[in-house]
Amino acid sequence: MKLRVLSIAKPEKSLYSPLYKELEMMTSKFTKIEDIEIFNKKIHQAQVEGEAKAQASYTQVYEPYLSKSYNIALHPNGKLVDSFKFAKLLSDKISVNFYIGGAYGFEDSFLKQCDAVISLGELTMSHKIAKAVLMEQIFRGFAINNNHPYHK
């Protein structure tokens, strides 16, 4: 399976970088995670101009990734799923993309282009924390789907 985690974030080393690498390594026995962080001048300028322009800029950079993959957006109003339902999202797929939005979330038009829209919970968390939670759940989902003892 080809699996990507895409986020609107400045590519930089952070306190969380070792955790991301550890989770990527744990998951590598099942699949490789491609971690893509996108933040360009257009996104920066759009965020200064306001919510609608920022959301449109996120859609613009993410749309090229939408074809030929099962696309899952993380959104506060998305469907709440437990680890078993999350694992089902991963099963029998050739390619999966997860999208973490920017500070202003997603346009409705982008969400409609995705195959699933899920929420990691009702708590608000930073994008870096959300990515760590997502990557752990990706590993947990593969563990569930492969009867690996991690989930127990």
Protein backbone atom coordinates (compact mmCIF):
# COMPACT_ATOMS: atom_id res chain seq x y z
CA MET A 1 0.00 0.00 0.00
CA LYS A 2 1.09 3.54 -0.71
CA LEU A 3 0.29 5.77 2.28
CA ARG A 4 0.78 9.52 2.54
CA VAL A 5 0.23 11.92 5.42
CA LEU A 6 -0.07 15.43 4.00
CA SER A 7 -0.15 18.47 6.23
CA ILE A 8 -0.17 22.22 5.85
CA ALA A 9 2.95 22.90 7.87
CA LYS A 10 6.40 24.35 7.47
CA PRO A 11 8.85 21.49 6.95
CA GLU A 12 11.03 21.82 10.02
CA LYS A 13 12.60 19.77 12.74
CA SER A 14 10.56 19.95 15.90
CA LEU A 15 10.20 18.29 19.27
CA TYR A 16 7.86 15.83 17.54
CA SER A 17 10.21 14.82 14.70
CA PRO A 18 11.73 11.85 16.61
CA LEU A 19 8.22 10.61 17.45
CA TYR A 20 7.15 10.81 13.79
CA LYS A 21 10.28 8.88 12.76
CA GLU A 22 9.63 6.24 15.44
CA LEU A 23 6.04 5.79 14.28
CA GLU A 24 7.16 5.61 10.64
CA MET A 25 9.67 2.92 11.60
CA MET A 26 7.07 0.93 13.54
CA THR A 27 4.68 1.09 10.58
CA SER A 28 7.38 0.13 8.07
CA LYS A 29 6.78 -3.57 8.74
CA PHE A 30 3.38 -3.05 7.08
CA THR A 31 3.88 -0.10 4.72
CA LYS A 32 5.98 3.01 4.21
CA ILE A 33 4.50 6.34 5.32
CA GLU A 34 5.34 9.27 3.09
CA ASP A 35 5.19 12.37 5.32
CA ILE A 36 4.60 15.46 3.17
CA GLU A 37 4.54 18.92 4.75
CA ILE A 38 3.50 21.77 2.48
CA PHE A 39 3.78 25.47 3.21
CA ASN A 40 4.58 27.92 0.44
CA LYS A 41 4.40 31.68 -0.12
CA LYS A 42 0.86 31.43 -1.54
CA ILE A 43 -0.39 29.66 1.59
CA HIS A 44 1.37 32.16 3.85
CA GLN A 45 -0.13 35.14 1.96
CA ALA A 46 -3.59 33.54 1.80
CA GLN A 47 -3.59 32.97 5.57
CA VAL A 48 -2.84 36.67 6.06
CA GLU A 49 -5.77 37.55 3.76
CA GLY A 50 -8.32 35.44 5.64
CA GLU A 51 -10.15 32.17 6.04
CA ALA A 52 -11.67 31.75 2.56
CA LYS A 53 -8.41 32.46 0.74
CA ALA A 54 -6.46 30.22 3.11
CA GLN A 55 -8.86 27.32 2.60
CA ALA A 56 -8.71 27.82 -1.17
CA SER A 57 -4.90 27.70 -1.04
CA TYR A 58 -5.01 24.41 0.89
CA THR A 59 -7.34 22.94 -1.73
CA GLN A 60 -5.05 24.11 -4.51
CA VAL A 61 -1.96 22.38 -3.10
CA TYR A 62 -3.82 19.20 -2.15
CA GLU A 63 -5.89 18.64 -5.33
CA PRO A 64 -3.01 17.07 -7.33
CA TYR A 65 -2.83 14.28 -4.72
CA LEU A 66 -6.53 13.38 -4.93
CA SER A 67 -6.47 11.15 -8.00
CA LYS A 68 -6.02 7.38 -7.80
CA SER A 69 -6.02 7.23 -3.99
CA TYR A 70 -8.50 6.70 -1.20
CA ASN A 71 -8.58 10.18 0.35
CA ILE A 72 -9.30 10.85 4.02
CA ALA A 73 -9.51 14.39 5.42
CA LEU A 74 -9.14 15.10 9.11
CA HIS A 75 -11.77 17.64 10.10
CA PRO A 76 -13.30 18.67 13.44
CA ASN A 77 -16.81 17.96 12.10
CA GLY A 78 -15.79 14.65 10.55
CA LYS A 79 -17.09 11.27 11.63
CA LEU A 80 -15.76 10.03 14.96
CA VAL A 81 -14.24 6.58 14.50
CA ASP A 82 -12.74 4.13 16.95
CA SER A 83 -9.53 2.23 16.22
CA PHE A 84 -11.37 -0.72 14.63
CA LYS A 85 -13.33 1.51 12.24
CA PHE A 86 -10.11 3.36 11.48
CA ALA A 87 -8.42 0.02 10.68
CA LYS A 88 -11.25 -0.77 8.23
CA LEU A 89 -10.47 2.48 6.40
CA LEU A 90 -7.00 1.08 5.69
CA SER A 91 -7.99 -2.43 4.66
CA ASP A 92 -8.07 -3.47 1.00
CA LYS A 93 -6.72 -0.15 -0.28
CA ILE A 94 -3.88 0.29 -2.77
CA SER A 95 -3.19 3.93 -1.95
CA VAL A 96 -4.40 6.11 0.95
CA ASN A 97 -3.85 9.82 1.53
CA PHE A 98 -4.58 11.52 4.85
CA TYR A 99 -4.99 15.31 4.79
CA ILE A 100 -4.39 17.56 7.78
CA GLY A 101 -5.65 21.07 7.09
CA GLY A 102 -4.14 24.40 7.88
CA ALA A 103 -5.18 26.87 10.53
CA TYR A 104 -8.52 27.51 8.81
CA GLY A 105 -9.54 23.95 7.97
CA PHE A 106 -10.91 22.87 4.62
CA GLU A 107 -13.31 24.20 2.02
CA ASP A 108 -16.50 22.17 1.72
CA SER A 109 -15.64 21.55 -1.93
CA PHE A 110 -12.38 19.82 -0.90
CA LEU A 111 -14.13 17.70 1.73
CA LYS A 112 -16.67 16.56 -0.89
CA GLN A 113 -13.80 15.31 -3.08
CA CYS A 114 -12.55 13.06 -0.27
CA ASP A 115 -13.75 9.50 0.23
CA ALA A 116 -13.98 9.92 4.00
CA VAL A 117 -13.91 12.80 6.47
CA ILE A 118 -13.01 11.80 10.00
CA SER A 119 -12.27 13.47 13.31
CA LEU A 120 -9.62 12.44 15.81
CA GLY A 121 -11.90 13.62 18.61
CA GLU A 122 -13.69 16.62 19.98
CA LEU A 123 -10.59 18.16 21.52
CA THR A 124 -8.75 20.88 19.63
CA MET A 125 -5.09 20.01 19.13
CA SER A 126 -2.16 21.47 17.28
CA HIS A 127 -1.37 20.12 13.83
CA LYS A 128 1.83 18.56 15.14
CA ILE A 129 -0.04 16.67 17.86
CA ALA A 130 -2.78 15.67 15.39
CA LYS A 131 -0.14 14.24 13.07
CA ALA A 132 1.40 12.21 15.92
CA VAL A 133 -2.03 10.85 16.90
CA LEU A 134 -2.82 10.04 13.25
CA MET A 135 0.48 8.24 12.71
CA GLU A 136 -0.01 6.17 15.87
CA GLN A 137 -3.50 5.22 14.73
CA ILE A 138 -2.14 4.25 11.31
CA PHE A 139 0.24 1.82 13.03
CA ARG A 140 -2.54 0.60 15.34
CA GLY A 141 -4.84 0.10 12.32
CA PHE A 142 -2.26 -2.06 10.58
CA ALA A 143 -1.68 -3.95 13.83
CA ILE A 144 -5.41 -4.68 14.09
CA ASN A 145 -5.67 -5.70 10.42
CA ASN A 146 -2.65 -8.04 10.77
CA ASN A 147 -3.44 -9.50 14.21
CA HIS A 148 -0.27 -7.92 15.59
CA PRO A 149 -0.15 -7.90 19.42
CA TYR A 150 0.40 -4.10 19.66
CA HIS A 151 -3.32 -3.38 19.87
CA LYS A 152 -3.98 -5.74 22.77
